[in-house]
Amino acid sequence: MWNRVAVLSDIHGVAPALDAVLAEPDVAAAERIVLTGDIIAGPQAAEVFDTLLTLGDRVVWVRGNGDREMLAAATSGEPPKIPVDPWAYRRLTPEHLELLRTMPTEARLSVAGVGEVLFCHATPRNDTEVALVDSRPDRWGEVLSTLDPAIDAVVCGHTHMPFVRLTHGILVVNPGSVGMPYGRPGAHWGMLGPGVTLRRTEFDYDAACRRIAESGYPGGAAWADEYVRARNSDLDALAVFGPMDGRDA
């Protein structure tokens, strides 16, 4: 049973955002730091990996669809479906690639005050399925249909928007995105134990944008301006993701 677990999702290779979250006292003191996927699909993939590897066994890794596609692109030469330039994934080392190959798609931890928690990227069924805070109850019934009855809570990512919802007797938590937030700037993350809290860390967005622009990542200035500064609103994101949950069927 763990008392304090930090959850970081959708870092997307944004090193300054990751650095800011890791500097938070609650994250530094957390017994475990769970990464719920899409860790490196972004401009500073290798740097983010190297930083996380220094944390050793405190990190619980969960692979997302972006990480899976980065691995496929780096090892087969096939372009990823997500908009990530080859410049980023060609800088991954053999150690990084081996970590991606062996990274699980889910993890389970018992957390004080929360219960048995399943961590995944999108839903317990796969790494691209969409379920949102306003998805209909039947949709949540579908995506939770394969869940072990012993699970009390599901922590996911993928849609980059933080929420907590109780549905079908399961507490569902999305901590939002560390590196590509929708709705408002800042690195979004969560803490579990003894309850659930959603957190947001502000940092120097101007300096972060400069750092990405100067990294050599093609189009880095425009990429950072859009995603680090959260130019996409929560309503923009819901307009894109909403139809993917079957609500219009």
C-alpha atoms as a PDB file:
ATOM      1  CA  MET A   1       0.000   0.000   0.000  1.00  0.00           C
ATOM      2  CA  TRP A   2       1.422   3.368  -1.058  1.00  0.00           C
ATOM      3  CA  ASN A   3       0.563   6.563   0.783  1.00  0.00           C
ATOM      4  CA  ARG A   4       1.568   9.220  -1.756  1.00  0.00           C
ATOM      5  CA  VAL A   5       1.646   8.651  -5.519  1.00  0.00           C
ATOM      6  CA  ALA A   6       2.246  11.409  -8.078  1.00  0.00           C
ATOM      7  CA  VAL A   7       0.768  10.944 -11.545  1.00  0.00           C
ATOM      8  CA  LEU A   8       2.304  12.598 -14.602  1.00  0.00           C
ATOM      9  CA  SER A   9       0.651  12.073 -17.971  1.00  0.00           C
ATOM     10  CA  ASP A  10       1.299  13.269 -21.511  1.00  0.00           C
ATOM     11  CA  ILE A  11       4.674  14.928 -20.923  1.00  0.00           C
ATOM     12  CA  HIS A  12       5.155  14.834 -24.704  1.00  0.00           C
ATOM     13  CA  GLY A  13       8.852  15.495 -24.624  1.00  0.00           C
ATOM     14  CA  VAL A  14       8.619  18.943 -22.997  1.00  0.00           C
ATOM     15  CA  ALA A  15      11.596  19.023 -20.646  1.00  0.00           C
ATOM     16  CA  PRO A  16      10.978  22.418 -18.954  1.00  0.00           C
ATOM     17  CA  ALA A  17       7.454  21.370 -17.951  1.00  0.00           C
ATOM     18  CA  LEU A  18       8.736  18.066 -16.562  1.00  0.00           C
ATOM     19  CA  ASP A  19      11.503  19.836 -14.646  1.00  0.00           C
ATOM     20  CA  ALA A  20       8.953  22.179 -13.071  1.00  0.00           C
ATOM     21  CA  VAL A  21       6.737  19.328 -11.872  1.00  0.00           C
ATOM     22  CA  LEU A  22       9.620  17.284 -10.514  1.00  0.00           C
ATOM     23  CA  ALA A  23      10.683  20.328  -8.487  1.00  0.00           C
ATOM     24  CA  GLU A  24       7.322  20.365  -6.687  1.00  0.00           C
ATOM     25  CA  PRO A  25       7.810  19.324  -3.031  1.00  0.00           C
ATOM     26  CA  ASP A  26       4.919  16.844  -3.170  1.00  0.00           C
ATOM     27  CA  VAL A  27       6.375  15.149  -6.233  1.00  0.00           C
ATOM     28  CA  ALA A  28       9.856  15.073  -4.715  1.00  0.00           C
ATOM     29  CA  ALA A  29       8.392  13.411  -1.620  1.00  0.00           C
ATOM     30  CA  ALA A  30       6.123  10.967  -3.475  1.00  0.00           C
ATOM     31  CA  GLU A  31       6.846   7.293  -2.938  1.00  0.00           C
ATOM     32  CA  ARG A  32       6.029   6.509  -6.560  1.00  0.00           C
ATOM     33  CA  ILE A  33       5.745   8.627  -9.713  1.00  0.00           C
ATOM     34  CA  VAL A  34       3.450   6.997 -12.254  1.00  0.00           C
ATOM     35  CA  LEU A  35       3.740   8.050 -15.893  1.00  0.00           C
ATOM     36  CA  THR A  36       0.533   7.325 -17.778  1.00  0.00           C
ATOM     37  CA  GLY A  37       1.902   7.404 -21.298  1.00  0.00           C
ATOM     38  CA  ASP A  38       2.874   9.722 -24.137  1.00  0.00           C
ATOM     39  CA  ILE A  39       6.056  10.448 -22.281  1.00  0.00           C
ATOM     40  CA  ILE A  40       8.385  11.341 -25.125  1.00  0.00           C
ATOM     41  CA  ALA A  41       6.321  12.152 -28.230  1.00  0.00           C
ATOM     42  CA  GLY A  42       7.591  15.706 -28.591  1.00  0.00           C
ATOM     43  CA  PRO A  43      10.638  17.888 -29.203  1.00  0.00           C
ATOM     44  CA  GLN A  44      12.891  16.901 -26.271  1.00  0.00           C
ATOM     45  CA  ALA A  45      12.266  13.169 -26.158  1.00  0.00           C
ATOM     46  CA  ALA A  46      15.788  12.042 -25.252  1.00  0.00           C
ATOM     47  CA  GLU A  47      16.202  14.746 -22.614  1.00  0.00           C
ATOM     48  CA  VAL A  48      12.923  13.798 -20.939  1.00  0.00           C
ATOM     49  CA  PHE A  49      13.899  10.132 -20.898  1.00  0.00           C
ATOM     50  CA  ASP A  50      17.310  10.913 -19.387  1.00  0.00           C
ATOM     51  CA  THR A  51      15.741  13.018 -16.628  1.00  0.00           C
ATOM     52  CA  LEU A  52      13.222  10.331 -15.702  1.00  0.00           C
ATOM     53  CA  LEU A  53      15.840   7.589 -15.693  1.00  0.00           C
ATOM     54  CA  THR A  54      17.694   9.400 -12.896  1.00  0.00           C
ATOM     55  CA  LEU A  55      14.687   8.758 -10.624  1.00  0.00           C
ATOM     56  CA  GLY A  56      15.262   5.014 -10.628  1.00  0.00           C
ATOM     57  CA  ASP A  57      12.686   2.672  -9.136  1.00  0.00           C
ATOM     58  CA  ARG A  58      10.410   5.486  -7.983  1.00  0.00           C
ATOM     59  CA  VAL A  59       9.109   5.722 -11.550  1.00  0.00           C
ATOM     60  CA  VAL A  60       6.311   3.421 -12.704  1.00  0.00           C
ATOM     61  CA  TRP A  61       6.262   3.429 -16.510  1.00  0.00           C
ATOM     62  CA  VAL A  62       3.144   3.071 -18.662  1.00  0.00           C
ATOM     63  CA  ARG A  63       3.438   3.347 -22.439  1.00  0.00           C
ATOM     64  CA  GLY A  64       1.064   5.488 -24.501  1.00  0.00           C
ATOM     65  CA  ASN A  65       0.165   5.449 -28.165  1.00  0.00           C
ATOM     66  CA  GLY A  66       2.653   8.241 -28.865  1.00  0.00           C
ATOM     67  CA  ASP A  67       5.466   6.257 -27.265  1.00  0.00           C
ATOM     68  CA  ARG A  68       4.447   3.155 -29.212  1.00  0.00           C
ATOM     69  CA  GLU A  69       4.460   5.077 -32.480  1.00  0.00           C
ATOM     70  CA  MET A  70       7.805   6.698 -31.687  1.00  0.00           C
ATOM     71  CA  LEU A  71       9.283   3.234 -31.128  1.00  0.00           C
ATOM     72  CA  ALA A  72       7.860   1.963 -34.408  1.00  0.00           C
ATOM     73  CA  ALA A  73       9.201   4.971 -36.281  1.00  0.00           C
ATOM     74  CA  ALA A  74      12.656   4.734 -34.695  1.00  0.00           C
ATOM     75  CA  THR A  75      13.031   1.022 -35.397  1.00  0.00           C
ATOM     76  CA  SER A  76      11.254   0.585 -38.736  1.00  0.00           C
ATOM     77  CA  GLY A  77      11.562   3.939 -40.428  1.00  0.00           C
ATOM     78  CA  GLU A  78       7.795   4.211 -40.752  1.00  0.00           C
ATOM     79  CA  PRO A  79       6.552   7.750 -40.089  1.00  0.00           C
ATOM     80  CA  PRO A  80       4.525   8.027 -36.864  1.00  0.00           C
ATOM     81  CA  LYS A  81       0.826   8.831 -37.083  1.00  0.00           C
ATOM     82  CA  ILE A  82       1.301  11.603 -34.551  1.00  0.00           C
ATOM     83  CA  PRO A  83       2.963  14.876 -35.634  1.00  0.00           C
ATOM     84  CA  VAL A  84       6.487  14.246 -34.340  1.00  0.00           C
ATOM     85  CA  ASP A  85       9.511  15.025 -36.443  1.00  0.00           C
ATOM     86  CA  PRO A  86      12.151  12.330 -37.114  1.00  0.00           C
ATOM     87  CA  TRP A  87      14.653  14.733 -35.558  1.00  0.00           C
ATOM     88  CA  ALA A  88      13.237  13.811 -32.130  1.00  0.00           C
ATOM     89  CA  TYR A  89      13.028  10.028 -32.361  1.00  0.00           C
ATOM     90  CA  ARG A  90      16.394   9.681 -34.114  1.00  0.00           C
ATOM     91  CA  ARG A  91      18.008  11.020 -30.946  1.00  0.00           C
ATOM     92  CA  LEU A  92      16.758   8.138 -28.841  1.00  0.00           C
ATOM     93  CA  THR A  93      19.549   5.887 -27.590  1.00  0.00           C
ATOM     94  CA  PRO A  94      19.557   2.079 -27.556  1.00  0.00           C
ATOM     95  CA  GLU A  95      18.736   2.295 -23.836  1.00  0.00           C
ATOM     96  CA  HIS A  96      15.720   4.476 -24.574  1.00  0.00           C
ATOM     97  CA  LEU A  97      14.493   2.119 -27.285  1.00  0.00           C
ATOM     98  CA  GLU A  98      14.865  -0.937 -25.059  1.00  0.00           C
ATOM     99  CA  LEU A  99      12.873   0.809 -22.355  1.00  0.00           C
ATOM    100  CA  LEU A 100      10.129   1.543 -24.892  1.00  0.00           C
ATOM    101  CA  ARG A 101      10.092  -2.080 -26.065  1.00  0.00           C
ATOM    102  CA  THR A 102       9.628  -3.448 -22.564  1.00  0.00           C
ATOM    103  CA  MET A 103       7.372  -0.710 -21.173  1.00  0.00           C
ATOM    104  CA  PRO A 104       3.990  -2.073 -20.002  1.00  0.00           C
ATOM    105  CA  THR A 105       0.663  -0.681 -21.171  1.00  0.00           C
ATOM    106  CA  GLU A 106      -0.803  -0.618 -17.664  1.00  0.00           C
ATOM    107  CA  ALA A 107       0.165  -0.751 -13.992  1.00  0.00           C
ATOM    108  CA  ARG A 108      -1.602  -1.453 -10.718  1.00  0.00           C
ATOM    109  CA  LEU A 109      -0.937   0.006  -7.297  1.00  0.00           C
ATOM    110  CA  SER A 110      -2.788  -0.021  -4.004  1.00  0.00           C
ATOM    111  CA  VAL A 111      -3.041   3.571  -2.768  1.00  0.00           C
ATOM    112  CA  ALA A 112      -4.126   4.610   0.714  1.00  0.00           C
ATOM    113  CA  GLY A 113      -7.554   6.228   0.725  1.00  0.00           C
ATOM    114  CA  VAL A 114      -8.154   5.399  -2.944  1.00  0.00           C
ATOM    115  CA  GLY A 115      -7.924   1.615  -3.151  1.00  0.00           C
ATOM    116  CA  GLU A 116      -6.749  -0.627  -5.967  1.00  0.00           C
ATOM    117  CA  VAL A 117      -5.816   1.647  -8.867  1.00  0.00           C
ATOM    118  CA  LEU A 118      -5.314   0.743 -12.521  1.00  0.00           C
ATOM    119  CA  PHE A 119      -3.111   3.141 -14.457  1.00  0.00           C
ATOM    120  CA  CYS A 120      -3.374   3.194 -18.260  1.00  0.00           C
ATOM    121  CA  HIS A 121      -2.980   5.681 -21.090  1.00  0.00           C
ATOM    122  CA  ALA A 122      -6.373   6.088 -22.798  1.00  0.00           C
ATOM    123  CA  THR A 123      -8.731   3.435 -21.385  1.00  0.00           C
ATOM    124  CA  PRO A 124      -8.245  -0.013 -19.836  1.00  0.00           C
ATOM    125  CA  ARG A 125      -9.036  -1.540 -23.253  1.00  0.00           C
ATOM    126  CA  ASN A 126      -6.448   0.190 -25.479  1.00  0.00           C
ATOM    127  CA  ASP A 127      -4.168   3.196 -25.826  1.00  0.00           C
ATOM    128  CA  THR A 128      -6.226   5.299 -28.264  1.00  0.00           C
ATOM    129  CA  GLU A 129      -9.817   4.935 -27.128  1.00  0.00           C
ATOM    130  CA  VAL A 130     -11.525   8.190 -26.137  1.00  0.00           C
ATOM    131  CA  ALA A 131     -13.694   8.730 -23.066  1.00  0.00           C
ATOM    132  CA  LEU A 132     -14.260  12.220 -21.714  1.00  0.00           C
ATOM    133  CA  VAL A 133     -15.665  13.862 -18.610  1.00  0.00           C
ATOM    134  CA  ASP A 134     -18.936  14.425 -20.466  1.00  0.00           C
ATOM    135  CA  SER A 135     -19.093  11.059 -22.241  1.00  0.00           C
ATOM    136  CA  ARG A 136     -22.433   9.315 -21.790  1.00  0.00           C
ATOM    137  CA  PRO A 137     -22.733   6.620 -19.090  1.00  0.00           C
ATOM    138  CA  ASP A 138     -23.108   3.883 -21.707  1.00  0.00           C
ATOM    139  CA  ARG A 139     -19.739   4.868 -23.175  1.00  0.00           C
ATOM    140  CA  TRP A 140     -18.085   4.577 -19.796  1.00  0.00           C
ATOM    141  CA  GLY A 141     -19.744   1.213 -19.358  1.00  0.00           C
ATOM    142  CA  GLU A 142     -18.136   0.096 -22.619  1.00  0.00           C
ATOM    143  CA  VAL A 143     -14.607   1.261 -21.827  1.00  0.00           C
ATOM    144  CA  LEU A 144     -14.729  -0.172 -18.297  1.00  0.00           C
ATOM    145  CA  SER A 145     -16.276  -3.475 -19.375  1.00  0.00           C
ATOM    146  CA  THR A 146     -13.015  -5.438 -19.170  1.00  0.00           C
ATOM    147  CA  LEU A 147     -12.034  -4.087 -15.772  1.00  0.00           C
ATOM    148  CA  ASP A 148     -11.067  -6.456 -12.993  1.00  0.00           C
ATOM    149  CA  PRO A 149     -13.801  -6.275 -10.314  1.00  0.00           C
ATOM    150  CA  ALA A 150     -11.101  -5.631  -7.725  1.00  0.00           C
ATOM    151  CA  ILE A 151     -10.282  -2.226  -9.255  1.00  0.00           C
ATOM    152  CA  ASP A 152     -11.569   0.827  -7.371  1.00  0.00           C
ATOM    153  CA  ALA A 153     -10.125   3.589  -9.562  1.00  0.00           C
ATOM    154  CA  VAL A 154      -8.765   4.094 -13.069  1.00  0.00           C
ATOM    155  CA  VAL A 155      -6.176   6.774 -13.814  1.00  0.00           C
ATOM    156  CA  CYS A 156      -5.711   7.613 -17.482  1.00  0.00           C
ATOM    157  CA  GLY A 157      -4.465  10.367 -19.794  1.00  0.00           C
ATOM    158  CA  HIS A 158      -4.554  10.751 -23.586  1.00  0.00           C
ATOM    159  CA  THR A 159      -7.038  13.636 -23.916  1.00  0.00           C
ATOM    160  CA  HIS A 160      -4.905  16.238 -22.081  1.00  0.00           C
ATOM    161  CA  MET A 161      -7.822  17.574 -20.007  1.00  0.00           C
ATOM    162  CA  PRO A 162      -7.960  17.054 -16.232  1.00  0.00           C
ATOM    163  CA  PHE A 163     -11.068  15.666 -14.569  1.00  0.00           C
ATOM    164  CA  VAL A 164     -12.322  13.384 -11.810  1.00  0.00           C
ATOM    165  CA  ARG A 165     -15.540  11.439 -12.361  1.00  0.00           C
ATOM    166  CA  LEU A 166     -17.346   8.621 -10.564  1.00  0.00           C
ATOM    167  CA  THR A 167     -19.047   6.262 -12.999  1.00  0.00           C
ATOM    168  CA  HIS A 168     -20.289   2.698 -12.628  1.00  0.00           C
ATOM    169  CA  GLY A 169     -18.839   2.665  -9.122  1.00  0.00           C
ATOM    170  CA  ILE A 170     -15.317   3.416 -10.441  1.00  0.00           C
ATOM    171  CA  LEU A 171     -13.454   6.638  -9.738  1.00  0.00           C
ATOM    172  CA  VAL A 172     -11.907   7.819 -13.024  1.00  0.00           C
ATOM    173  CA  VAL A 173      -9.072  10.355 -12.868  1.00  0.00           C
ATOM    174  CA  ASN A 174      -7.339  12.175 -15.702  1.00  0.00           C
ATOM    175  CA  PRO A 175      -4.557  14.420 -14.363  1.00  0.00           C
ATOM    176  CA  GLY A 176      -4.294  16.379 -17.628  1.00  0.00           C
ATOM    177  CA  SER A 177      -1.106  16.946 -19.582  1.00  0.00           C
ATOM    178  CA  VAL A 178       2.286  18.003 -18.278  1.00  0.00           C
ATOM    179  CA  GLY A 179       3.658  19.150 -21.638  1.00  0.00           C
ATOM    180  CA  MET A 180       0.705  19.787 -23.984  1.00  0.00           C
ATOM    181  CA  PRO A 181      -2.156  21.172 -21.878  1.00  0.00           C
ATOM    182  CA  TYR A 182      -5.483  22.128 -23.373  1.00  0.00           C
ATOM    183  CA  GLY A 183      -7.515  24.892 -21.787  1.00  0.00           C
ATOM    184  CA  ARG A 184      -4.865  26.845 -19.888  1.00  0.00           C
ATOM    185  CA  PRO A 185      -1.054  26.867 -19.697  1.00  0.00           C
ATOM    186  CA  GLY A 186       0.837  25.107 -16.962  1.00  0.00           C
ATOM    187  CA  ALA A 187       1.997  21.576 -16.286  1.00  0.00           C
ATOM    188  CA  HIS A 188      -1.010  19.562 -15.090  1.00  0.00           C
ATOM    189  CA  TRP A 189      -0.557  16.506 -12.852  1.00  0.00           C
ATOM    190  CA  GLY A 190      -2.205  14.669  -9.978  1.00  0.00           C
ATOM    191  CA  MET A 191      -1.612  13.318  -6.480  1.00  0.00           C
ATOM    192  CA  LEU A 192      -3.188  10.174  -5.077  1.00  0.00           C
ATOM    193  CA  GLY A 193      -3.353   9.369  -1.375  1.00  0.00           C
ATOM    194  CA  PRO A 194      -5.153   9.733   0.886  1.00  0.00           C
ATOM    195  CA  GLY A 195      -7.562  11.240  -1.668  1.00  0.00           C
ATOM    196  CA  VAL A 196      -7.234  12.623  -5.186  1.00  0.00           C
ATOM    197  CA  THR A 197      -6.073  16.132  -6.028  1.00  0.00           C
ATOM    198  CA  LEU A 198      -5.517  17.704  -9.431  1.00  0.00           C
ATOM    199  CA  ARG A 199      -2.568  20.067  -9.551  1.00  0.00           C
ATOM    200  CA  ARG A 200      -1.104  22.631 -11.941  1.00  0.00           C
ATOM    201  CA  THR A 201       2.459  23.930 -11.903  1.00  0.00           C
ATOM    202  CA  GLU A 202       3.272  27.248 -13.528  1.00  0.00           C
ATOM    203  CA  PHE A 203       6.727  27.878 -14.924  1.00  0.00           C
ATOM    204  CA  ASP A 204       8.550  30.342 -17.181  1.00  0.00           C
ATOM    205  CA  TYR A 205       6.732  29.803 -20.475  1.00  0.00           C
ATOM    206  CA  ASP A 206       8.892  32.308 -22.357  1.00  0.00           C
ATOM    207  CA  ALA A 207      12.082  30.544 -21.304  1.00  0.00           C
ATOM    208  CA  ALA A 208      10.580  27.140 -22.105  1.00  0.00           C
ATOM    209  CA  CYS A 209       9.578  28.268 -25.584  1.00  0.00           C
ATOM    210  CA  ARG A 210      13.061  29.651 -26.212  1.00  0.00           C
ATOM    211  CA  ARG A 211      14.648  26.424 -24.997  1.00  0.00           C
ATOM    212  CA  ILE A 212      12.548  24.351 -27.398  1.00  0.00           C
ATOM    213  CA  ALA A 213      13.076  26.787 -30.288  1.00  0.00           C
ATOM    214  CA  GLU A 214      16.842  26.673 -29.741  1.00  0.00           C
ATOM    215  CA  SER A 215      16.975  22.883 -29.408  1.00  0.00           C
ATOM    216  CA  GLY A 216      17.128  22.325 -33.149  1.00  0.00           C
ATOM    217  CA  TYR A 217      13.703  20.707 -33.312  1.00  0.00           C
ATOM    218  CA  PRO A 218      12.213  21.660 -36.707  1.00  0.00           C
ATOM    219  CA  GLY A 219       9.405  24.137 -36.247  1.00  0.00           C
ATOM    220  CA  GLY A 220      10.189  24.257 -32.551  1.00  0.00           C
ATOM    221  CA  ALA A 221       9.212  27.887 -32.049  1.00  0.00           C
ATOM    222  CA  ALA A 222       5.741  27.405 -33.535  1.00  0.00           C
ATOM    223  CA  TRP A 223       5.277  24.069 -31.745  1.00  0.00           C
ATOM    224  CA  ALA A 224       6.177  25.565 -28.380  1.00  0.00           C
ATOM    225  CA  ASP A 225       4.017  28.623 -28.915  1.00  0.00           C
ATOM    226  CA  GLU A 226       0.982  26.431 -29.608  1.00  0.00           C
ATOM    227  CA  TYR A 227       1.427  23.782 -26.960  1.00  0.00           C
ATOM    228  CA  VAL A 228       3.483  25.269 -24.118  1.00  0.00           C
ATOM    229  CA  ARG A 229       1.266  28.353 -24.142  1.00  0.00           C
ATOM    230  CA  ALA A 230      -1.876  26.190 -24.478  1.00  0.00           C
ATOM    231  CA  ARG A 231      -3.343  27.983 -27.467  1.00  0.00           C
ATOM    232  CA  ASN A 232      -5.949  25.202 -27.800  1.00  0.00           C
ATOM    233  CA  SER A 233      -8.872  25.730 -25.443  1.00  0.00           C
ATOM    234  CA  ASP A 234     -10.753  23.031 -23.601  1.00  0.00           C
ATOM    235  CA  LEU A 235     -13.680  23.657 -25.948  1.00  0.00           C
ATOM    236  CA  ASP A 236     -11.391  23.208 -28.961  1.00  0.00           C
ATOM    237  CA  ALA A 237     -10.247  19.879 -27.553  1.00  0.00           C
ATOM    238  CA  LEU A 238     -13.772  18.706 -26.784  1.00  0.00           C
ATOM    239  CA  ALA A 239     -14.828  19.600 -30.324  1.00  0.00           C
ATOM    240  CA  VAL A 240     -12.074  17.340 -31.680  1.00  0.00           C
ATOM    241  CA  PHE A 241     -12.295  14.489 -29.182  1.00  0.00           C
ATOM    242  CA  GLY A 242     -16.049  14.501 -28.603  1.00  0.00           C
ATOM    243  CA  PRO A 243     -17.050  12.700 -31.817  1.00  0.00           C
ATOM    244  CA  MET A 244     -14.457  10.000 -31.048  1.00  0.00           C
ATOM    245  CA  ASP A 245     -16.435   8.721 -28.056  1.00  0.00           C
ATOM    246  CA  GLY A 246     -19.361   7.680 -30.229  1.00  0.00           C
ATOM    247  CA  ARG A 247     -21.724  10.364 -28.986  1.00  0.00           C
ATOM    248  CA  ASP A 248     -22.912  11.108 -32.531  1.00  0.00           C
ATOM    249  CA  ALA A 249     -23.585   7.484 -33.441  1.00  0.00           C
END
